[in-house]
Protein backbone atom coordinates (compact mmCIF):
# COMPACT_ATOMS: atom_id res chain seq x y z
CA MET A 1 -42.72 -81.14 30.49
CA PRO A 2 -42.39 -79.54 26.92
CA ASN A 3 -43.57 -82.09 24.08
CA LEU A 4 -41.73 -85.02 23.85
CA GLU A 5 -40.73 -84.82 20.16
CA GLN A 6 -39.69 -80.91 20.72
CA LEU A 7 -37.73 -81.93 23.64
CA ARG A 8 -35.79 -84.71 21.73
CA GLN A 9 -34.44 -81.79 19.43
CA ASP A 10 -32.53 -80.59 22.16
CA PHE A 11 -30.52 -84.00 21.76
CA PRO A 12 -28.58 -83.86 18.46
CA GLU A 13 -27.33 -87.41 19.01
CA LEU A 14 -30.60 -88.95 18.66
CA HIS A 15 -31.04 -87.76 15.07
CA GLN A 16 -28.56 -89.85 13.40
CA SER A 17 -28.36 -93.55 11.91
CA MET A 18 -26.51 -96.32 13.08
CA ASN A 19 -25.80 -99.22 10.64
CA ASP A 20 -28.44 -97.49 8.30
CA GLU A 21 -31.04 -97.81 11.20
CA ARG A 22 -32.58 -95.46 13.23
CA LEU A 23 -30.69 -94.86 16.26
CA ALA A 24 -32.39 -96.13 19.69
CA TYR A 25 -29.90 -95.00 22.31
CA LEU A 26 -30.78 -97.31 25.28
CA ASP A 27 -27.50 -96.98 27.22
CA ASN A 28 -28.14 -94.11 29.55
CA ALA A 29 -27.11 -96.00 32.51
CA ALA A 30 -23.41 -95.70 31.26
CA THR A 31 -23.71 -92.05 30.22
CA SER A 32 -26.67 -89.79 29.21
CA LEU A 33 -26.80 -87.64 26.17
CA LYS A 34 -26.01 -84.11 26.40
CA PRO A 35 -28.33 -81.25 25.37
CA VAL A 36 -27.65 -78.40 23.13
CA ALA A 37 -27.95 -75.94 26.23
CA VAL A 38 -24.79 -77.84 27.94
CA ILE A 39 -22.90 -78.06 24.91
CA LYS A 40 -23.57 -74.41 24.08
CA ARG A 41 -22.59 -73.39 27.70
CA LEU A 42 -19.43 -75.23 27.50
CA THR A 43 -18.29 -73.82 24.27
CA THR A 44 -19.35 -70.21 25.48
CA PHE A 45 -17.21 -70.53 28.71
CA TYR A 46 -14.17 -71.80 26.87
CA GLN A 47 -14.52 -68.92 23.89
CA HIS A 48 -15.37 -66.17 26.22
CA GLU A 49 -14.88 -67.00 29.87
CA ASN A 50 -11.97 -69.17 30.42
CA ALA A 51 -9.72 -68.08 33.43
CA ASN A 52 -8.60 -70.08 36.46
CA VAL A 53 -10.51 -69.79 39.74
CA HIS A 54 -10.00 -68.18 43.02
CA ARG A 55 -6.61 -67.03 42.17
CA GLY A 56 -6.47 -63.92 39.82
CA THR A 57 -7.39 -60.61 40.49
CA TYR A 58 -8.44 -59.50 37.17
CA GLN A 59 -11.99 -59.39 36.46
CA LEU A 60 -12.05 -62.34 33.94
CA SER A 61 -10.76 -64.68 36.86
CA PHE A 62 -13.38 -63.14 39.06
CA ASN A 63 -15.99 -63.86 36.63
CA ALA A 64 -14.87 -67.49 36.23
CA THR A 65 -14.90 -67.71 40.05
CA LYS A 66 -18.20 -66.39 40.36
CA GLN A 67 -19.74 -69.10 37.82
CA TYR A 68 -17.86 -71.89 39.38
CA GLU A 69 -19.27 -71.09 42.94
CA ARG A 70 -22.69 -70.32 41.23
CA ALA A 71 -22.66 -74.03 39.81
CA ARG A 72 -21.94 -75.25 43.54
CA GLU A 73 -25.13 -73.39 45.05
CA ILE A 74 -26.96 -74.75 41.98
CA ILE A 75 -26.04 -78.26 42.94
CA CYS A 76 -26.92 -77.35 46.51
CA HIS A 77 -30.40 -76.61 45.86
CA PHE A 78 -30.74 -79.37 43.54
CA ILE A 79 -30.10 -82.15 46.07
CA SER A 80 -31.69 -80.10 49.08
CA ALA A 81 -28.56 -79.84 50.77
CA ARG A 82 -28.10 -77.60 53.69
CA ASP A 83 -25.02 -75.40 52.78
CA SER A 84 -23.17 -75.07 49.41
CA HIS A 85 -20.03 -75.82 51.50
CA GLU A 86 -21.13 -79.19 51.42
CA ILE A 87 -20.85 -79.68 47.95
CA VAL A 88 -17.37 -80.98 46.84
CA PHE A 89 -16.44 -81.07 43.10
CA THR A 90 -14.71 -84.56 42.20
CA ARG A 91 -14.38 -86.17 38.73
CA GLY A 92 -17.20 -88.34 39.12
CA THR A 93 -18.98 -90.74 41.57
CA THR A 94 -16.03 -92.92 41.57
CA GLU A 95 -13.55 -90.55 43.11
CA GLY A 96 -16.43 -89.22 45.66
CA LEU A 97 -17.01 -92.62 47.04
CA ASN A 98 -12.86 -93.30 47.06
CA LEU A 99 -12.48 -89.59 48.75
CA VAL A 100 -14.59 -90.99 51.61
CA ALA A 101 -13.03 -94.09 51.92
CA SER A 102 -9.36 -92.59 52.01
CA THR A 103 -10.17 -89.82 54.58
CA TYR A 104 -13.31 -90.72 56.75
CA GLY A 105 -12.62 -94.34 56.48
CA GLU A 106 -8.89 -94.19 57.00
CA GLN A 107 -9.52 -91.78 60.22
CA ASN A 108 -12.20 -93.67 61.75
CA ILE A 109 -11.98 -97.44 60.96
CA GLN A 110 -10.12 -99.64 63.48
CA PRO A 111 -9.19 -103.57 63.56
CA GLY A 112 -12.60 -105.24 64.27
CA ASP A 113 -14.83 -102.57 63.19
CA GLU A 114 -17.49 -103.46 60.56
CA ILE A 115 -18.30 -101.73 57.20
CA VAL A 116 -21.77 -102.92 55.73
CA ILE A 117 -22.54 -102.80 52.28
CA THR A 118 -25.13 -104.57 49.86
CA ILE A 119 -24.47 -107.25 47.40
CA ALA A 120 -25.99 -104.89 44.67
CA GLU A 121 -23.18 -102.51 44.72
CA HIS A 122 -21.25 -101.02 41.68
CA HIS A 123 -17.52 -101.77 42.17
CA SER A 124 -16.97 -98.23 42.84
CA ASN A 125 -19.06 -98.70 46.01
CA LEU A 126 -17.68 -102.09 46.85
CA ILE A 127 -13.82 -102.05 46.30
CA PRO A 128 -12.68 -98.87 48.18
CA TRP A 129 -14.73 -100.54 51.05
CA GLN A 130 -13.35 -104.17 50.52
CA GLN A 131 -9.79 -102.38 50.47
CA LEU A 132 -10.25 -100.10 53.51
CA ALA A 133 -11.33 -103.44 55.41
CA LEU A 134 -8.37 -105.25 54.51
CA ARG A 135 -5.87 -102.34 55.20
CA LYS A 136 -7.51 -101.74 58.68
CA ARG A 137 -8.18 -105.42 59.53
CA ALA A 138 -12.11 -104.53 59.65
CA ILE A 139 -14.85 -106.78 58.83
CA LEU A 140 -16.68 -106.35 55.62
CA LYS A 141 -20.45 -107.46 55.61
CA TYR A 142 -22.89 -107.83 52.85
CA ILE A 143 -26.80 -107.16 53.15
CA ASN A 144 -28.48 -109.91 51.06
CA LEU A 145 -31.23 -109.23 48.44
CA THR A 146 -34.55 -110.53 48.38
CA SER A 147 -36.12 -112.82 45.42
CA ASN A 148 -37.07 -109.74 43.44
CA GLY A 149 -33.58 -108.04 43.82
CA GLU A 150 -34.27 -105.47 46.52
CA VAL A 151 -32.58 -104.73 49.54
CA ASP A 152 -33.49 -107.02 52.33
CA LEU A 153 -34.27 -104.97 55.33
CA ASP A 154 -34.67 -107.44 57.70
CA ASP A 155 -31.04 -108.73 56.77
CA ALA A 156 -29.92 -104.99 56.99
CA LYS A 157 -31.34 -105.16 60.69
CA ARG A 158 -29.16 -108.28 61.40
CA LYS A 159 -25.93 -107.11 59.66
CA ILE A 160 -25.90 -103.50 61.27
CA THR A 161 -24.90 -103.63 64.58
CA ALA A 162 -23.14 -101.63 67.11
CA LYS A 163 -19.74 -102.47 65.72
CA THR A 164 -20.80 -101.05 62.32
CA LYS A 165 -19.14 -97.80 61.37
CA ILE A 166 -20.00 -97.31 57.90
CA VAL A 167 -22.67 -98.26 56.01
CA ALA A 168 -22.75 -97.99 52.24
CA VAL A 169 -25.26 -98.28 49.61
CA THR A 170 -26.54 -97.69 45.94
CA HIS A 171 -29.58 -95.36 45.83
CA VAL A 172 -30.64 -97.15 42.56
CA SER A 173 -29.11 -100.29 41.44
CA ASN A 174 -27.30 -99.84 37.72
CA VAL A 175 -28.27 -103.64 37.14
CA LEU A 176 -31.77 -104.07 38.48
CA GLY A 177 -32.95 -100.54 38.78
CA ASN A 178 -34.61 -101.01 41.92
CA VAL A 179 -34.44 -98.24 44.54
CA SER A 180 -32.99 -98.86 48.02
CA PRO A 181 -34.45 -97.93 51.11
CA VAL A 182 -31.84 -95.43 52.07
CA LYS A 183 -33.83 -93.49 54.40
CA GLU A 184 -34.46 -96.88 56.62
CA LEU A 185 -30.93 -97.78 56.14
CA ALA A 186 -29.79 -94.31 57.45
CA GLU A 187 -31.94 -94.73 60.47
CA LEU A 188 -30.47 -98.29 61.14
CA ALA A 189 -27.05 -96.72 60.73
CA HIS A 190 -27.56 -93.96 62.82
CA LYS A 191 -29.18 -95.74 65.47
CA ASN A 192 -26.05 -97.65 65.83
CA GLY A 193 -23.65 -94.89 65.60
CA ALA A 194 -22.69 -95.46 62.07
CA ILE A 195 -22.80 -93.01 59.09
CA ILE A 196 -24.15 -93.67 55.74
CA VAL A 197 -22.61 -93.29 52.57
CA VAL A 198 -25.03 -93.26 49.30
CA ASP A 199 -23.97 -93.98 45.64
CA GLY A 200 -26.49 -91.67 43.71
CA ALA A 201 -24.99 -92.29 40.10
CA GLN A 202 -27.94 -94.05 38.81
CA ALA A 203 -30.72 -91.80 40.88
CA VAL A 204 -29.95 -88.20 40.16
CA CYS A 205 -31.34 -88.08 36.55
CA HIS A 206 -34.40 -90.22 37.50
CA ILE A 207 -35.82 -89.06 40.53
CA PRO A 208 -36.03 -86.14 43.20
CA VAL A 209 -33.11 -86.60 45.47
CA ASP A 210 -33.26 -84.92 49.12
CA VAL A 211 -30.20 -85.63 51.05
CA GLN A 212 -31.57 -84.09 54.16
CA ALA A 213 -34.57 -86.12 54.01
CA LEU A 214 -32.54 -89.45 53.09
CA GLY A 215 -30.34 -88.90 56.04
CA ALA A 216 -27.41 -89.28 54.08
CA ASP A 217 -24.09 -88.42 55.43
CA PHE A 218 -22.33 -88.59 52.08
CA TYR A 219 -24.05 -88.52 48.59
CA ALA A 220 -21.62 -89.22 45.40
CA PHE A 221 -22.87 -88.66 42.07
CA SER A 222 -21.53 -87.99 38.43
CA GLY A 223 -22.19 -85.22 35.82
CA HIS A 224 -22.09 -87.39 32.69
CA LYS A 225 -24.91 -89.38 33.95
CA MET A 226 -27.20 -86.51 34.20
CA LEU A 227 -26.57 -84.77 30.89
CA GLY A 228 -23.62 -82.77 32.03
CA PRO A 229 -20.06 -83.35 30.76
CA THR A 230 -17.66 -86.16 31.59
CA GLY A 231 -14.99 -85.62 34.27
CA ILE A 232 -17.23 -83.69 36.72
CA GLY A 233 -18.90 -85.20 39.89
CA VAL A 234 -20.11 -84.13 43.01
CA LEU A 235 -19.63 -85.30 46.63
CA TYR A 236 -22.13 -84.20 49.22
CA GLY A 237 -20.96 -84.40 52.88
CA LYS A 238 -22.48 -82.91 55.89
CA LYS A 239 -20.32 -79.92 56.57
CA VAL A 240 -19.40 -81.27 60.47
CA LEU A 241 -18.19 -84.49 58.97
CA LEU A 242 -16.11 -82.62 56.07
CA GLU A 243 -14.55 -80.30 58.77
CA GLN A 244 -13.22 -83.34 60.69
CA MET A 245 -11.78 -84.95 57.69
CA SER A 246 -7.89 -84.72 56.55
CA PRO A 247 -7.51 -84.10 52.72
CA TYR A 248 -6.14 -86.91 50.50
CA GLN A 249 -4.85 -84.96 47.76
CA PHE A 250 -2.47 -82.03 48.46
CA GLY A 251 -1.08 -79.11 46.39
CA GLY A 252 -2.28 -75.71 45.16
CA GLU A 253 -6.04 -74.41 45.97
CA MET A 254 -6.62 -76.49 48.93
CA ILE A 255 -4.05 -74.60 51.45
CA GLU A 256 -4.41 -71.88 53.77
CA ASP A 257 -0.70 -71.42 54.76
CA VAL A 258 2.40 -73.19 53.95
CA GLN A 259 5.37 -73.21 56.17
CA LEU A 260 8.67 -75.25 55.81
CA GLU A 261 7.69 -77.58 58.51
CA ASN A 262 3.69 -77.95 58.41
CA SER A 263 0.90 -76.43 56.66
CA GLU A 264 -2.83 -75.50 57.25
CA TRP A 265 -5.81 -76.55 54.99
CA ALA A 266 -8.46 -74.22 53.29
CA GLN A 267 -11.80 -74.54 54.77
CA VAL A 268 -14.34 -76.94 53.13
CA PRO A 269 -14.84 -77.45 50.35
CA GLN A 270 -11.55 -76.18 48.86
CA LYS A 271 -9.83 -78.40 51.59
CA PHE A 272 -10.83 -81.37 48.97
CA GLU A 273 -10.50 -79.62 45.72
CA ALA A 274 -6.34 -79.56 45.17
CA GLY A 275 -5.18 -78.19 41.94
CA THR A 276 -7.08 -76.63 39.28
CA PRO A 277 -10.67 -77.91 39.03
CA ASN A 278 -12.75 -78.62 36.01
CA ILE A 279 -14.30 -75.23 36.13
CA ALA A 280 -15.87 -75.81 32.67
CA GLY A 281 -17.21 -79.09 33.88
CA ALA A 282 -18.89 -77.48 36.87
CA VAL A 283 -19.97 -74.70 34.83
CA GLY A 284 -21.65 -77.43 32.18
CA LEU A 285 -22.88 -79.58 35.22
CA ALA A 286 -24.94 -76.44 36.51
CA THR A 287 -26.48 -75.87 33.23
CA ALA A 288 -27.65 -79.48 33.02
CA VAL A 289 -29.22 -79.11 36.57
CA GLU A 290 -31.05 -76.09 35.64
CA TYR A 291 -32.37 -77.99 32.43
CA LEU A 292 -33.52 -80.86 34.68
CA GLU A 293 -35.24 -78.43 37.12
CA ARG A 294 -37.13 -76.63 34.23
CA LEU A 295 -38.35 -80.12 33.17
CA GLY A 296 -39.40 -81.01 36.81
CA MET A 297 -37.87 -84.11 38.56
CA GLU A 298 -41.25 -85.21 39.52
CA LYS A 299 -42.29 -85.15 35.52
CA VAL A 300 -38.89 -86.79 34.63
CA GLN A 301 -39.75 -89.61 37.11
CA ALA A 302 -43.22 -89.73 35.70
CA ARG A 303 -42.02 -90.02 32.36
CA ASP A 304 -39.21 -92.73 33.04
CA GLU A 305 -42.14 -94.57 34.85
CA GLU A 306 -44.32 -94.59 31.69
CA LEU A 307 -41.71 -95.76 29.49
CA MET A 308 -40.73 -98.48 31.80
CA ALA A 309 -44.55 -99.61 32.01
CA TYR A 310 -44.55 -99.93 28.38
CA LEU A 311 -41.11 -101.64 27.77
CA LEU A 312 -41.23 -103.98 30.87
CA PRO A 313 -44.33 -106.18 30.38
CA ARG A 314 -43.21 -106.50 26.57
CA LEU A 315 -39.99 -107.88 27.59
CA VAL A 316 -41.17 -110.30 30.20
CA SER A 317 -43.89 -111.71 27.73
CA THR A 318 -41.15 -112.16 25.09
CA SER A 319 -40.42 -115.77 24.35
CA GLY A 320 -36.92 -116.72 25.22
CA VAL A 321 -36.37 -113.76 27.18
CA LYS A 322 -35.25 -113.78 31.01
CA VAL A 323 -35.80 -110.33 32.82
CA TYR A 324 -33.92 -109.99 36.24
CA GLY A 325 -35.27 -108.20 39.31
CA SER A 326 -38.84 -107.22 39.88
CA THR A 327 -41.84 -107.43 37.78
CA ASP A 328 -42.80 -104.05 39.01
CA PRO A 329 -42.24 -101.23 36.57
CA LYS A 330 -41.29 -98.72 39.51
CA GLN A 331 -38.65 -100.96 40.50
CA HIS A 332 -36.83 -100.62 37.53
CA ILE A 333 -35.68 -97.00 37.54
CA GLY A 334 -34.37 -96.56 34.13
CA VAL A 335 -32.93 -100.18 33.88
CA ILE A 336 -33.72 -103.41 32.63
CA SER A 337 -31.31 -106.41 32.67
CA PHE A 338 -32.12 -109.28 30.61
CA ASN A 339 -30.77 -112.46 28.46
CA ILE A 340 -31.98 -114.19 25.64
CA ASN A 341 -31.98 -118.23 25.75
CA ALA A 342 -28.35 -119.41 25.94
CA LEU A 343 -27.22 -116.79 23.62
CA HIS A 344 -23.86 -114.58 24.91
CA PRO A 345 -24.99 -111.18 26.01
CA HIS A 346 -22.04 -109.70 24.10
CA ASP A 347 -23.59 -111.34 20.78
CA VAL A 348 -26.97 -110.19 21.57
CA ALA A 349 -25.67 -106.60 22.05
CA THR A 350 -23.59 -106.72 18.76
CA ALA A 351 -26.68 -108.12 16.96
CA LEU A 352 -28.84 -105.40 18.51
CA ASP A 353 -26.31 -102.86 17.35
CA MET A 354 -26.92 -104.08 13.64
CA GLU A 355 -30.59 -102.93 14.29
CA GLY A 356 -29.50 -99.62 15.44
CA VAL A 357 -29.99 -100.41 19.27
CA ALA A 358 -27.40 -99.26 21.82
CA VAL A 359 -27.42 -101.31 24.89
CA ARG A 360 -24.91 -102.68 27.27
CA ALA A 361 -23.50 -106.33 27.73
CA GLY A 362 -21.36 -107.75 30.51
CA HIS A 363 -21.27 -107.50 34.42
CA HIS A 364 -21.61 -103.71 34.63
CA CYS A 365 -19.03 -103.37 37.10
CA ALA A 366 -21.48 -105.12 39.60
CA GLU A 367 -19.85 -108.85 39.58
CA PRO A 368 -21.14 -109.92 42.99
CA LEU A 369 -24.64 -108.87 42.03
CA VAL A 370 -24.47 -110.63 38.38
CA HIS A 371 -23.08 -113.61 39.76
CA SER A 372 -25.69 -113.78 42.49
CA LEU A 373 -28.35 -113.90 39.57
CA GLY A 374 -26.95 -117.11 38.21
CA VAL A 375 -25.14 -115.72 35.45
CA ASN A 376 -21.80 -114.05 34.63
CA SER A 377 -23.21 -111.13 32.31
CA THR A 378 -26.54 -109.66 31.16
CA VAL A 379 -27.76 -107.41 28.59
CA ARG A 380 -28.93 -104.00 29.89
CA ALA A 381 -31.25 -101.59 28.17
CA SER A 382 -31.30 -98.31 30.22
CA LEU A 383 -33.85 -95.65 29.53
CA ALA A 384 -33.82 -91.73 30.01
CA PHE A 385 -36.90 -89.38 29.49
CA TYR A 386 -35.87 -88.36 26.15
CA ASN A 387 -36.49 -91.92 24.91
CA ASN A 388 -39.85 -92.83 23.62
CA PHE A 389 -42.15 -95.83 22.76
CA ALA A 390 -40.32 -96.06 18.98
CA ASP A 391 -37.25 -96.94 20.77
CA CYS A 392 -38.94 -99.38 23.02
CA ASP A 393 -40.41 -100.96 19.68
CA GLN A 394 -37.29 -101.02 18.05
CA LEU A 395 -35.81 -103.01 20.97
CA ILE A 396 -38.32 -105.72 20.74
CA LYS A 397 -38.22 -105.85 17.03
CA ALA A 398 -34.58 -106.21 17.16
CA ILE A 399 -34.61 -109.13 19.78
CA GLU A 400 -37.22 -110.86 17.71
CA GLU A 401 -34.76 -110.63 14.70
CA THR A 402 -31.77 -111.59 16.77
CA LYS A 403 -33.60 -114.73 17.90
CA GLU A 404 -34.43 -115.57 14.46
CA PHE A 405 -31.06 -114.93 13.15
CA PHE A 406 -29.13 -117.16 15.91
CA ASN A 407 -31.90 -119.87 15.62
CA GLY A 408 -31.90 -120.28 11.88
CA GLY A 409 -35.17 -118.76 11.37
CA ALA A 410 -37.06 -120.62 14.46
CA ARG A 411 -38.81 -118.12 16.67
């Protein structure tokens, strides 16, 4: 990995002040910052390469199509998929998960079937299955967590049965940062004749991802959380499953032939990409992936672990601070959720912002998980490889000053 300070020059957003303070951007779980390379690539596309894809016979359209499909191949390699046809471009993780629920789920779930998820799921990997279960009169079951906030494999073995048709799990929790045992859950699912759907939104920018080694049948993630543009995401699906699924959006681009009485669909992945796709977004995401690959995901993971090993013990030992989840830094991939005494998390986040520290407060679109912690909301600090020890120090200092302010000077 390049020198960290040199690398930080790739992210112009870091080099500004907020409320007359140095900016410490610690809301990476919500969205990552974008390197200059991605910003320039988007500008170049719109200035010199903009054309629709797959349709035109002129050179500009041919070139745009080539770049769009090249992006698919780059992402296929990044997550170690078998075939670029297994890469479906979406608007983000949410759309990818809804696509699976609205297609595979609608076709395969019958009354009395079981859908198994964990209590740790983001709403995007909870509500689609909840609503599918309601529509189909299926049974939705939740795998519990251990006292450290990790997925309880013993409970998973009890919950996943011969009646289970779908298992859905987050790869990395957006609240606690722990890594789910996806491979083990996939083996349990497959042993019982079920498929597994993985929410990879918080994993792809922190750890190497190999969808084949994990045993994932579907794996969804968002570009904007991994240095890419907003409005672009990816759904990986095993080709054999994608080919069996019906499309859930109809119109241009996804058809092979249209007659007055019926229509035939295009082959995968185009079957699931109705309308003009986010071409620039896909090209920008490919640039983000190339940036990460140049750094090396193993080195990115090592840097994240180094930062977490520095910050987590200091937060745990700070008087009045309650940290949720494991005390093992390696089980906080990029994320720490905490509260300060009886202070409301939104008050804390506002106070930290006055010190230049950007964090998130709330239930983080994971209400059942947060409620299971015995609270309604938390403060969340989330790191990326471009953060540094100064950002961590600034957070600790801002917490101390927040405590002093709300306690009238008592620490």
